[in-house]
Amino acid sequence: MGQDDKTANKVEEMGGQAKEKVGSVTGDEALERQGERDQSKANLKQAGEKVKDAFR
């Protein structure tokens, strides 16, 4: 299940990057911030996966 979680986190991060870029291009600051939040959330989840891997 760990690899599935890592993949899902990476997809979420990429989605956040896309939202941030679209928001930046269109001038939609709310969408840009949402993309940044999505990326941060995905990065935190990825860090949690790394911690779990360290204890295996």
C-alpha atoms as a PDB file:
ATOM      1  CA  MET A   1       0.000   0.000   0.000  1.00  0.00           C
ATOM      2  CA  GLY A   2       2.960   2.336   0.506  1.00  0.00           C
ATOM      3  CA  GLN A   3       3.699   2.677  -3.208  1.00  0.00           C
ATOM      4  CA  ASP A   4       0.040   3.420  -3.943  1.00  0.00           C
ATOM      5  CA  ASP A   5       0.112   6.196  -1.355  1.00  0.00           C
ATOM      6  CA  LYS A   6       3.317   7.631  -2.798  1.00  0.00           C
ATOM      7  CA  THR A   7       1.827   7.641  -6.284  1.00  0.00           C
ATOM      8  CA  ALA A   8      -1.369   9.304  -5.089  1.00  0.00           C
ATOM      9  CA  ASN A   9       0.657  11.954  -3.265  1.00  0.00           C
ATOM     10  CA  LYS A  10       2.719  12.668  -6.373  1.00  0.00           C
ATOM     11  CA  VAL A  11      -0.451  12.981  -8.494  1.00  0.00           C
ATOM     12  CA  GLU A  12      -1.902  15.375  -5.908  1.00  0.00           C
ATOM     13  CA  GLU A  13       1.311  17.435  -5.983  1.00  0.00           C
ATOM     14  CA  MET A  14       1.240  17.623  -9.782  1.00  0.00           C
ATOM     15  CA  GLY A  15      -2.411  18.658  -9.703  1.00  0.00           C
ATOM     16  CA  GLY A  16      -1.501  21.430  -7.284  1.00  0.00           C
ATOM     17  CA  GLN A  17       1.268  22.604  -9.586  1.00  0.00           C
ATOM     18  CA  ALA A  18      -1.176  22.721 -12.484  1.00  0.00           C
ATOM     19  CA  LYS A  19      -3.719  24.705 -10.453  1.00  0.00           C
ATOM     20  CA  GLU A  20      -1.033  27.134  -9.347  1.00  0.00           C
ATOM     21  CA  LYS A  21       0.144  27.713 -12.924  1.00  0.00           C
ATOM     22  CA  VAL A  22      -3.375  28.123 -14.309  1.00  0.00           C
ATOM     23  CA  GLY A  23      -4.192  30.542 -11.503  1.00  0.00           C
ATOM     24  CA  SER A  24      -1.026  32.493 -12.207  1.00  0.00           C
ATOM     25  CA  VAL A  25      -1.693  32.714 -15.942  1.00  0.00           C
ATOM     26  CA  THR A  26      -5.342  33.679 -15.547  1.00  0.00           C
ATOM     27  CA  GLY A  27      -4.767  36.011 -12.612  1.00  0.00           C
ATOM     28  CA  ASP A  28      -6.959  33.875 -10.342  1.00  0.00           C
ATOM     29  CA  GLU A  29      -5.202  34.306  -6.999  1.00  0.00           C
ATOM     30  CA  ALA A  30      -7.595  31.971  -5.193  1.00  0.00           C
ATOM     31  CA  LEU A  31      -6.826  29.120  -7.591  1.00  0.00           C
ATOM     32  CA  GLU A  32      -3.119  29.851  -7.321  1.00  0.00           C
ATOM     33  CA  ARG A  33      -3.264  29.657  -3.504  1.00  0.00           C
ATOM     34  CA  GLN A  34      -5.324  26.468  -3.687  1.00  0.00           C
ATOM     35  CA  GLY A  35      -2.637  24.916  -5.872  1.00  0.00           C
ATOM     36  CA  GLU A  36       0.024  25.922  -3.374  1.00  0.00           C
ATOM     37  CA  ARG A  37      -2.001  24.364  -0.529  1.00  0.00           C
ATOM     38  CA  ASP A  38      -2.476  21.147  -2.496  1.00  0.00           C
ATOM     39  CA  GLN A  39       1.259  20.934  -3.088  1.00  0.00           C
ATOM     40  CA  SER A  40       2.029  21.552   0.579  1.00  0.00           C
ATOM     41  CA  LYS A  41      -0.449  18.909   1.655  1.00  0.00           C
ATOM     42  CA  ALA A  42       1.013  16.377  -0.781  1.00  0.00           C
ATOM     43  CA  ASN A  43       4.542  17.164   0.373  1.00  0.00           C
ATOM     44  CA  LEU A  44       3.562  16.594   4.008  1.00  0.00           C
ATOM     45  CA  LYS A  45       2.020  13.256   3.092  1.00  0.00           C
ATOM     46  CA  GLN A  46       5.178  12.294   1.191  1.00  0.00           C
ATOM     47  CA  ALA A  47       7.277  13.174   4.243  1.00  0.00           C
ATOM     48  CA  GLY A  48       5.044  10.918   6.331  1.00  0.00           C
ATOM     49  CA  GLU A  49       5.599   8.075   3.878  1.00  0.00           C
ATOM     50  CA  LYS A  50       9.358   8.562   4.151  1.00  0.00           C
ATOM     51  CA  VAL A  51       9.155   8.385   7.940  1.00  0.00           C
ATOM     52  CA  LYS A  52       7.125   5.186   7.742  1.00  0.00           C
ATOM     53  CA  ASP A  53       9.673   3.712   5.330  1.00  0.00           C
ATOM     54  CA  ALA A  54      12.499   4.596   7.710  1.00  0.00           C
ATOM     55  CA  PHE A  55      10.917   2.477  10.458  1.00  0.00           C
ATOM     56  CA  ARG A  56      10.316  -0.579   8.298  1.00  0.00           C
END
